[in-house]
């Protein structure tokens, strides 16, 4: 089975998809995530290179990407401060979405690059099997395309 045009994603409270849902303008996928910039090669000072982000992607009702709001909040060397700030930003952004409700979503693949990091839902092939990978969170969606994911 090939990758569907629209990828369903199941809402799972307090886990990787705990900040997804719907609002008056369509759908959203929010997250707090860490990533290394493209091209980074592991070094002994890796904590200063691992960057934390608050992320809010919005989509229309048909799953088309509308916008991505991304903010770098600090590095791993200040883990608690960076993560707390990212959660605060995401909460503020979510609170501003009129009619917000946490729920399952269905979105189309998209890509957005910010700060040298790829954010998006990208179609890939691994060991001959096509799937959709959500970056930089590394959440994979596969057949039977039921909205469940693999990390």
N, C-alpha and C. Protein backbone atom coordinates (compact mmCIF):
# COMPACT_ATOMS: atom_id res chain seq x y z
N UNK A 1 0.85 -1.18 0.00
CA UNK A 1 0.00 0.00 0.00
C UNK A 1 0.90 1.24 0.00
N UNK A 2 0.60 2.19 -0.86
CA UNK A 2 1.39 3.41 -0.92
C UNK A 2 0.94 4.39 0.17
N UNK A 3 1.76 5.38 0.37
CA UNK A 3 1.47 6.41 1.37
C UNK A 3 0.22 7.18 0.94
N UNK A 4 -0.76 7.33 1.82
CA UNK A 4 -1.95 8.10 1.44
C UNK A 4 -1.63 9.59 1.29
N UNK A 5 -2.46 10.27 0.57
CA UNK A 5 -2.30 11.71 0.35
C UNK A 5 -2.41 12.48 1.66
N UNK A 6 -3.28 12.01 2.55
CA UNK A 6 -3.49 12.64 3.85
C UNK A 6 -3.16 11.60 4.92
N UNK A 7 -2.27 11.96 5.85
CA UNK A 7 -1.79 11.04 6.89
C UNK A 7 -2.58 11.27 8.18
N UNK A 8 -3.32 10.26 8.65
CA UNK A 8 -4.01 10.42 9.93
C UNK A 8 -3.02 10.32 11.09
N UNK A 9 -3.26 11.10 12.14
CA UNK A 9 -2.42 11.10 13.34
C UNK A 9 -3.34 11.07 14.55
N UNK A 10 -3.14 10.08 15.40
CA UNK A 10 -3.98 9.89 16.58
C UNK A 10 -3.50 10.78 17.73
N UNK A 11 -4.45 11.44 18.36
CA UNK A 11 -4.18 12.23 19.57
C UNK A 11 -3.93 11.29 20.74
N UNK A 12 -2.78 11.43 21.38
CA UNK A 12 -2.43 10.63 22.55
C UNK A 12 -2.03 11.57 23.68
N UNK A 13 -2.92 11.83 24.64
CA UNK A 13 -2.61 12.77 25.72
C UNK A 13 -1.33 12.39 26.45
N UNK A 14 -0.57 13.40 26.83
CA UNK A 14 0.65 13.23 27.62
C UNK A 14 1.70 12.37 26.94
N UNK A 15 1.72 12.37 25.61
CA UNK A 15 2.74 11.63 24.89
C UNK A 15 3.14 12.42 23.65
N UNK A 16 3.72 11.79 22.65
CA UNK A 16 4.27 12.49 21.49
C UNK A 16 3.24 13.31 20.71
N UNK A 17 1.99 12.90 20.74
CA UNK A 17 0.95 13.63 20.01
C UNK A 17 -0.08 14.22 20.98
N UNK A 18 0.38 14.63 22.12
CA UNK A 18 -0.50 15.19 23.14
C UNK A 18 -0.88 16.64 22.91
N UNK A 19 -0.27 17.29 21.92
CA UNK A 19 -0.60 18.69 21.61
C UNK A 19 -0.95 18.82 20.13
N UNK A 20 -1.89 17.98 19.69
CA UNK A 20 -2.43 18.08 18.34
C UNK A 20 -3.94 18.24 18.45
N UNK A 21 -4.53 18.75 17.38
CA UNK A 21 -5.98 18.88 17.42
C UNK A 21 -6.52 19.81 16.36
N UNK A 22 -7.65 20.40 16.70
CA UNK A 22 -8.39 21.25 15.77
C UNK A 22 -8.67 22.61 16.41
N UNK A 23 -8.84 23.60 15.57
CA UNK A 23 -9.20 24.95 16.00
C UNK A 23 -10.06 25.56 14.90
N UNK A 24 -10.56 26.75 15.12
CA UNK A 24 -11.45 27.40 14.14
C UNK A 24 -10.86 27.45 12.74
N UNK A 25 -9.54 27.59 12.64
CA UNK A 25 -8.88 27.72 11.34
C UNK A 25 -8.49 26.41 10.71
N UNK A 26 -8.71 25.29 11.40
CA UNK A 26 -8.34 24.00 10.82
C UNK A 26 -7.78 23.05 11.87
N UNK A 27 -6.51 22.65 11.66
CA UNK A 27 -5.85 21.67 12.52
C UNK A 27 -4.51 22.22 12.98
N UNK A 28 -3.94 21.58 14.00
CA UNK A 28 -2.61 22.00 14.48
C UNK A 28 -1.84 20.80 15.01
N UNK A 29 -0.51 20.95 15.00
CA UNK A 29 0.40 19.99 15.60
C UNK A 29 1.45 20.81 16.33
N UNK A 30 1.42 20.78 17.65
CA UNK A 30 2.38 21.49 18.46
C UNK A 30 3.33 20.51 19.12
N UNK A 31 4.54 20.98 19.42
CA UNK A 31 5.49 20.11 20.13
C UNK A 31 6.62 20.93 20.73
N UNK A 32 7.27 20.31 21.69
CA UNK A 32 8.55 20.77 22.22
C UNK A 32 9.52 19.68 21.83
N UNK A 33 10.56 20.04 21.11
CA UNK A 33 11.48 19.03 20.58
C UNK A 33 12.90 19.55 20.53
N UNK A 34 13.83 18.63 20.49
CA UNK A 34 15.26 18.97 20.39
C UNK A 34 15.80 18.46 19.06
N UNK A 35 16.80 19.15 18.54
CA UNK A 35 17.40 18.73 17.27
C UNK A 35 18.81 19.32 17.15
N UNK A 36 19.58 18.68 16.32
CA UNK A 36 20.88 19.22 15.92
C UNK A 36 20.70 19.84 14.54
N UNK A 37 21.44 20.91 14.28
CA UNK A 37 21.38 21.53 12.95
C UNK A 37 21.92 20.57 11.91
N UNK A 38 21.41 20.72 10.68
CA UNK A 38 21.88 19.88 9.58
C UNK A 38 23.39 19.98 9.45
N UNK A 39 24.04 18.85 9.26
CA UNK A 39 25.48 18.82 9.07
C UNK A 39 26.28 18.67 10.35
N UNK A 40 25.62 18.74 11.50
CA UNK A 40 26.34 18.58 12.77
C UNK A 40 26.92 17.18 12.86
N UNK A 41 28.17 17.10 13.28
CA UNK A 41 28.84 15.83 13.54
C UNK A 41 29.18 15.79 15.02
N UNK A 42 28.87 14.69 15.65
CA UNK A 42 29.04 14.55 17.10
C UNK A 42 30.42 15.00 17.57
N UNK A 43 30.39 15.83 18.61
CA UNK A 43 31.61 16.33 19.24
C UNK A 43 31.45 16.19 20.75
N UNK A 44 32.54 16.36 21.48
CA UNK A 44 32.49 16.23 22.93
C UNK A 44 31.61 17.30 23.58
N UNK A 45 31.46 18.44 22.92
CA UNK A 45 30.63 19.53 23.46
C UNK A 45 29.21 19.48 22.90
N UNK A 46 28.70 18.27 22.61
CA UNK A 46 27.38 18.12 21.98
C UNK A 46 26.25 18.84 22.70
N UNK A 47 26.29 19.00 24.07
CA UNK A 47 25.15 19.68 24.70
C UNK A 47 24.92 21.13 24.23
N UNK A 48 25.96 21.80 23.78
CA UNK A 48 25.76 23.17 23.29
C UNK A 48 25.23 23.18 21.86
N UNK A 49 25.26 22.03 21.18
CA UNK A 49 24.77 21.93 19.81
C UNK A 49 23.36 21.36 19.72
N UNK A 50 22.93 20.66 20.75
CA UNK A 50 21.56 20.12 20.77
C UNK A 50 20.64 21.25 21.18
N UNK A 51 19.77 21.67 20.27
CA UNK A 51 18.95 22.86 20.44
C UNK A 51 17.50 22.48 20.69
N UNK A 52 16.85 23.20 21.60
CA UNK A 52 15.44 22.97 21.95
C UNK A 52 14.56 23.99 21.25
N UNK A 53 13.36 23.53 20.83
CA UNK A 53 12.44 24.36 20.08
C UNK A 53 11.00 24.20 20.57
N UNK A 54 10.28 25.30 20.53
CA UNK A 54 8.82 25.29 20.63
C UNK A 54 8.33 25.34 19.19
N UNK A 55 7.35 24.49 18.86
CA UNK A 55 6.90 24.37 17.47
C UNK A 55 5.37 24.31 17.42
N UNK A 56 4.80 25.08 16.50
CA UNK A 56 3.37 24.98 16.25
C UNK A 56 3.13 25.06 14.74
N UNK A 57 2.71 23.95 14.16
CA UNK A 57 2.34 23.89 12.75
C UNK A 57 0.82 24.00 12.67
N UNK A 58 0.33 24.79 11.72
CA UNK A 58 -1.11 24.88 11.50
C UNK A 58 -1.43 24.42 10.08
N UNK A 59 -2.65 23.87 9.94
CA UNK A 59 -3.12 23.30 8.69
C UNK A 59 -4.57 23.69 8.50
N UNK A 60 -5.01 23.73 7.26
CA UNK A 60 -6.43 23.97 7.03
C UNK A 60 -7.21 22.69 7.31
N UNK A 61 -8.52 22.73 7.17
CA UNK A 61 -9.36 21.58 7.48
C UNK A 61 -9.06 20.38 6.58
N UNK A 62 -8.54 20.63 5.36
CA UNK A 62 -8.21 19.56 4.43
C UNK A 62 -6.78 19.04 4.62
N UNK A 63 -6.07 19.57 5.62
CA UNK A 63 -4.73 19.08 5.93
C UNK A 63 -3.59 19.76 5.23
N UNK A 64 -3.85 20.83 4.47
CA UNK A 64 -2.78 21.58 3.82
C UNK A 64 -2.05 22.45 4.85
N UNK A 65 -0.74 22.46 4.78
CA UNK A 65 0.08 23.26 5.69
C UNK A 65 -0.19 24.75 5.48
N UNK A 66 -0.48 25.46 6.56
CA UNK A 66 -0.71 26.90 6.51
C UNK A 66 0.52 27.67 6.97
N UNK A 67 1.06 27.27 8.14
CA UNK A 67 2.15 28.04 8.74
C UNK A 67 2.88 27.18 9.75
N UNK A 68 4.12 27.56 10.01
CA UNK A 68 4.91 26.93 11.07
C UNK A 68 5.52 28.02 11.93
N UNK A 69 5.24 27.95 13.19
CA UNK A 69 5.82 28.88 14.15
C UNK A 69 6.84 28.09 14.96
N UNK A 70 8.11 28.50 14.88
CA UNK A 70 9.19 27.78 15.54
C UNK A 70 10.05 28.79 16.27
N UNK A 71 10.39 28.46 17.51
CA UNK A 71 11.27 29.33 18.29
C UNK A 71 12.32 28.48 19.00
N UNK A 72 13.58 28.87 18.80
CA UNK A 72 14.68 28.23 19.51
C UNK A 72 14.69 28.80 20.93
N UNK A 73 14.67 27.91 21.94
CA UNK A 73 14.58 28.38 23.33
C UNK A 73 15.82 28.10 24.16
N UNK A 74 16.83 27.47 23.58
CA UNK A 74 18.07 27.21 24.31
C UNK A 74 18.68 25.88 23.91
N UNK A 75 19.79 25.58 24.53
CA UNK A 75 20.53 24.35 24.20
C UNK A 75 20.46 23.36 25.36
N UNK A 76 20.90 22.17 25.08
CA UNK A 76 20.87 21.07 26.06
C UNK A 76 21.71 21.39 27.29
N UNK A 77 22.73 22.23 27.14
CA UNK A 77 23.56 22.56 28.31
C UNK A 77 22.78 23.35 29.36
N UNK A 78 21.62 23.89 28.98
CA UNK A 78 20.67 24.50 29.92
C UNK A 78 19.32 23.79 29.73
N UNK A 79 19.34 22.48 29.85
CA UNK A 79 18.18 21.65 29.53
C UNK A 79 16.90 22.14 30.19
N UNK A 80 16.87 22.23 31.49
CA UNK A 80 15.63 22.58 32.20
C UNK A 80 15.12 23.95 31.77
N UNK A 81 16.00 24.94 31.69
CA UNK A 81 15.57 26.27 31.28
C UNK A 81 15.04 26.31 29.86
N UNK A 82 15.72 25.62 28.94
CA UNK A 82 15.32 25.60 27.54
C UNK A 82 13.98 24.88 27.35
N UNK A 83 13.81 23.76 28.04
CA UNK A 83 12.58 22.98 27.91
C UNK A 83 11.41 23.72 28.55
N UNK A 84 11.61 24.29 29.72
CA UNK A 84 10.55 25.04 30.38
C UNK A 84 10.10 26.23 29.53
N UNK A 85 11.06 26.94 28.95
CA UNK A 85 10.73 28.08 28.10
C UNK A 85 9.95 27.62 26.86
N UNK A 86 10.36 26.50 26.26
CA UNK A 86 9.67 25.98 25.08
C UNK A 86 8.23 25.59 25.42
N UNK A 87 8.03 24.93 26.56
CA UNK A 87 6.67 24.56 26.96
C UNK A 87 5.82 25.81 27.20
N UNK A 88 6.41 26.82 27.80
CA UNK A 88 5.69 28.07 28.03
C UNK A 88 5.27 28.73 26.73
N UNK A 89 6.18 28.78 25.75
CA UNK A 89 5.86 29.38 24.45
C UNK A 89 4.74 28.59 23.76
N UNK A 90 4.87 27.26 23.76
CA UNK A 90 3.86 26.45 23.09
C UNK A 90 2.50 26.64 23.75
N UNK A 91 2.45 26.64 25.06
CA UNK A 91 1.18 26.86 25.77
C UNK A 91 0.58 28.20 25.40
N UNK A 92 1.39 29.23 25.34
CA UNK A 92 0.92 30.58 24.95
C UNK A 92 0.34 30.55 23.54
N UNK A 93 1.04 29.91 22.60
CA UNK A 93 0.56 29.85 21.22
C UNK A 93 -0.75 29.07 21.12
N UNK A 94 -0.82 27.94 21.84
CA UNK A 94 -2.04 27.13 21.80
C UNK A 94 -3.22 27.89 22.40
N UNK A 95 -2.97 28.59 23.49
CA UNK A 95 -4.03 29.37 24.14
C UNK A 95 -4.60 30.44 23.21
N UNK A 96 -3.83 30.87 22.23
CA UNK A 96 -4.26 31.91 21.30
C UNK A 96 -5.08 31.36 20.12
N UNK A 97 -5.16 30.04 19.99
CA UNK A 97 -5.94 29.45 18.88
C UNK A 97 -7.42 29.41 19.26
N UNK A 98 -8.26 30.17 18.56
CA UNK A 98 -9.69 30.16 18.90
C UNK A 98 -10.34 28.81 18.62
N UNK A 99 -11.16 28.37 19.55
CA UNK A 99 -11.88 27.12 19.39
C UNK A 99 -11.02 25.88 19.51
N UNK A 100 -9.87 25.98 20.16
CA UNK A 100 -8.95 24.86 20.28
C UNK A 100 -9.58 23.67 20.98
N UNK A 101 -9.35 22.48 20.41
CA UNK A 101 -9.70 21.24 21.09
C UNK A 101 -8.68 20.18 20.66
N UNK A 102 -8.21 19.41 21.61
CA UNK A 102 -7.25 18.36 21.33
C UNK A 102 -8.01 17.18 20.73
N UNK A 103 -7.46 16.64 19.63
CA UNK A 103 -8.19 15.62 18.88
C UNK A 103 -7.24 14.99 17.84
N UNK A 104 -7.71 13.92 17.19
CA UNK A 104 -6.99 13.34 16.06
C UNK A 104 -6.95 14.37 14.93
N UNK A 105 -5.92 14.26 14.09
CA UNK A 105 -5.81 15.12 12.91
C UNK A 105 -5.49 14.26 11.69
N UNK A 106 -5.54 14.87 10.52
CA UNK A 106 -5.14 14.23 9.27
C UNK A 106 -4.53 15.32 8.41
N UNK A 107 -3.22 15.19 8.14
CA UNK A 107 -2.49 16.26 7.44
C UNK A 107 -1.71 15.70 6.24
N UNK A 108 -1.36 16.61 5.37
CA UNK A 108 -0.59 16.26 4.17
C UNK A 108 0.90 16.50 4.45
N UNK A 109 1.76 15.77 3.76
CA UNK A 109 3.20 15.99 3.92
C UNK A 109 3.57 17.45 3.65
N UNK A 110 4.56 17.93 4.38
CA UNK A 110 5.04 19.31 4.23
C UNK A 110 6.45 19.39 4.78
N UNK A 111 7.16 20.45 4.42
CA UNK A 111 8.50 20.70 4.96
C UNK A 111 8.68 22.17 5.27
N UNK A 112 9.36 22.43 6.36
CA UNK A 112 9.68 23.79 6.79
C UNK A 112 11.06 23.72 7.42
N UNK A 113 11.97 24.57 6.98
CA UNK A 113 13.32 24.61 7.56
C UNK A 113 13.47 25.88 8.38
N UNK A 114 13.98 25.71 9.59
CA UNK A 114 14.22 26.84 10.48
C UNK A 114 15.52 26.58 11.23
N UNK A 115 16.40 27.56 11.27
CA UNK A 115 17.62 27.48 12.07
C UNK A 115 18.48 26.27 11.67
N UNK A 116 18.44 25.91 10.39
CA UNK A 116 19.23 24.77 9.92
C UNK A 116 18.67 23.42 10.32
N UNK A 117 17.38 23.38 10.69
CA UNK A 117 16.72 22.15 11.11
C UNK A 117 15.48 21.94 10.26
N UNK A 118 15.26 20.70 9.79
CA UNK A 118 14.08 20.35 9.03
C UNK A 118 12.93 20.04 9.99
N UNK A 119 11.80 20.69 9.77
CA UNK A 119 10.56 20.42 10.49
C UNK A 119 9.54 20.01 9.43
N UNK A 120 8.76 18.97 9.71
CA UNK A 120 7.73 18.60 8.76
C UNK A 120 7.39 17.13 8.76
N UNK A 121 6.48 16.78 7.88
CA UNK A 121 6.05 15.41 7.66
C UNK A 121 6.54 15.03 6.28
N UNK A 122 7.54 14.15 6.24
CA UNK A 122 8.28 13.86 5.01
C UNK A 122 8.09 12.40 4.62
N UNK A 123 7.84 12.16 3.34
CA UNK A 123 7.70 10.78 2.84
C UNK A 123 9.11 10.25 2.58
N UNK A 124 9.38 9.06 3.14
CA UNK A 124 10.70 8.43 3.01
C UNK A 124 10.52 6.94 2.71
N UNK A 125 11.61 6.32 2.28
CA UNK A 125 11.64 4.87 2.09
C UNK A 125 12.74 4.32 2.96
N UNK A 126 12.40 3.32 3.78
CA UNK A 126 13.37 2.65 4.64
C UNK A 126 13.20 1.15 4.44
N UNK A 127 14.29 0.50 4.05
CA UNK A 127 14.28 -0.94 3.77
C UNK A 127 13.14 -1.30 2.81
N UNK A 128 12.97 -0.48 1.79
CA UNK A 128 11.99 -0.74 0.76
C UNK A 128 10.55 -0.41 1.11
N UNK A 129 10.32 0.14 2.30
CA UNK A 129 8.96 0.46 2.74
C UNK A 129 8.80 1.97 2.85
N UNK A 130 7.80 2.50 2.13
CA UNK A 130 7.50 3.93 2.23
C UNK A 130 6.76 4.22 3.52
N UNK A 131 7.11 5.34 4.13
CA UNK A 131 6.41 5.78 5.34
C UNK A 131 6.49 7.29 5.42
N UNK A 132 5.81 7.87 6.40
CA UNK A 132 5.85 9.32 6.64
C UNK A 132 6.56 9.54 7.97
N UNK A 133 7.59 10.38 7.97
CA UNK A 133 8.37 10.65 9.17
C UNK A 133 8.17 12.11 9.57
N UNK A 134 7.80 12.32 10.85
CA UNK A 134 7.60 13.67 11.35
C UNK A 134 8.90 14.14 11.98
N UNK A 135 9.47 15.22 11.43
CA UNK A 135 10.76 15.75 11.88
C UNK A 135 10.60 17.05 12.62
N UNK A 136 11.52 17.36 13.54
CA UNK A 136 12.65 16.55 13.98
C UNK A 136 12.30 15.57 15.10
N UNK A 137 11.02 15.38 15.35
CA UNK A 137 10.57 14.53 16.46
C UNK A 137 10.85 13.05 16.24
N UNK A 138 11.11 12.66 14.99
CA UNK A 138 11.35 11.26 14.63
C UNK A 138 10.20 10.35 15.04
N UNK A 139 9.01 10.73 14.58
CA UNK A 139 7.81 9.92 14.78
C UNK A 139 7.44 9.39 13.40
N UNK A 140 7.38 8.06 13.25
CA UNK A 140 7.09 7.45 11.96
C UNK A 140 5.68 6.91 11.86
N UNK A 141 5.06 7.11 10.70
CA UNK A 141 3.72 6.62 10.42
C UNK A 141 3.79 5.64 9.26
N UNK A 142 3.14 4.48 9.44
CA UNK A 142 3.25 3.38 8.49
C UNK A 142 1.89 2.76 8.22
N UNK A 143 1.88 1.79 7.25
CA UNK A 143 0.69 0.97 7.04
C UNK A 143 0.32 0.35 8.38
N UNK A 144 -0.91 0.24 8.72
CA UNK A 144 -2.11 0.38 7.89
C UNK A 144 -2.66 1.80 7.87
N UNK A 145 -1.81 2.80 8.17
CA UNK A 145 -2.23 4.21 8.11
C UNK A 145 -3.44 4.49 8.99
N UNK A 146 -3.34 4.04 10.24
CA UNK A 146 -4.43 4.19 11.19
C UNK A 146 -4.20 5.33 12.19
N UNK A 147 -3.13 6.10 11.96
CA UNK A 147 -2.83 7.23 12.84
C UNK A 147 -1.89 6.91 13.96
N UNK A 148 -1.60 5.65 14.20
CA UNK A 148 -0.63 5.26 15.23
C UNK A 148 0.77 5.46 14.69
N UNK A 149 1.74 5.59 15.56
CA UNK A 149 3.10 5.92 15.13
C UNK A 149 4.13 5.06 15.86
N UNK A 150 5.34 5.15 15.34
CA UNK A 150 6.48 4.44 15.91
C UNK A 150 7.57 5.47 16.17
N UNK A 151 8.25 5.31 17.29
CA UNK A 151 9.34 6.25 17.61
C UNK A 151 10.69 5.55 17.56
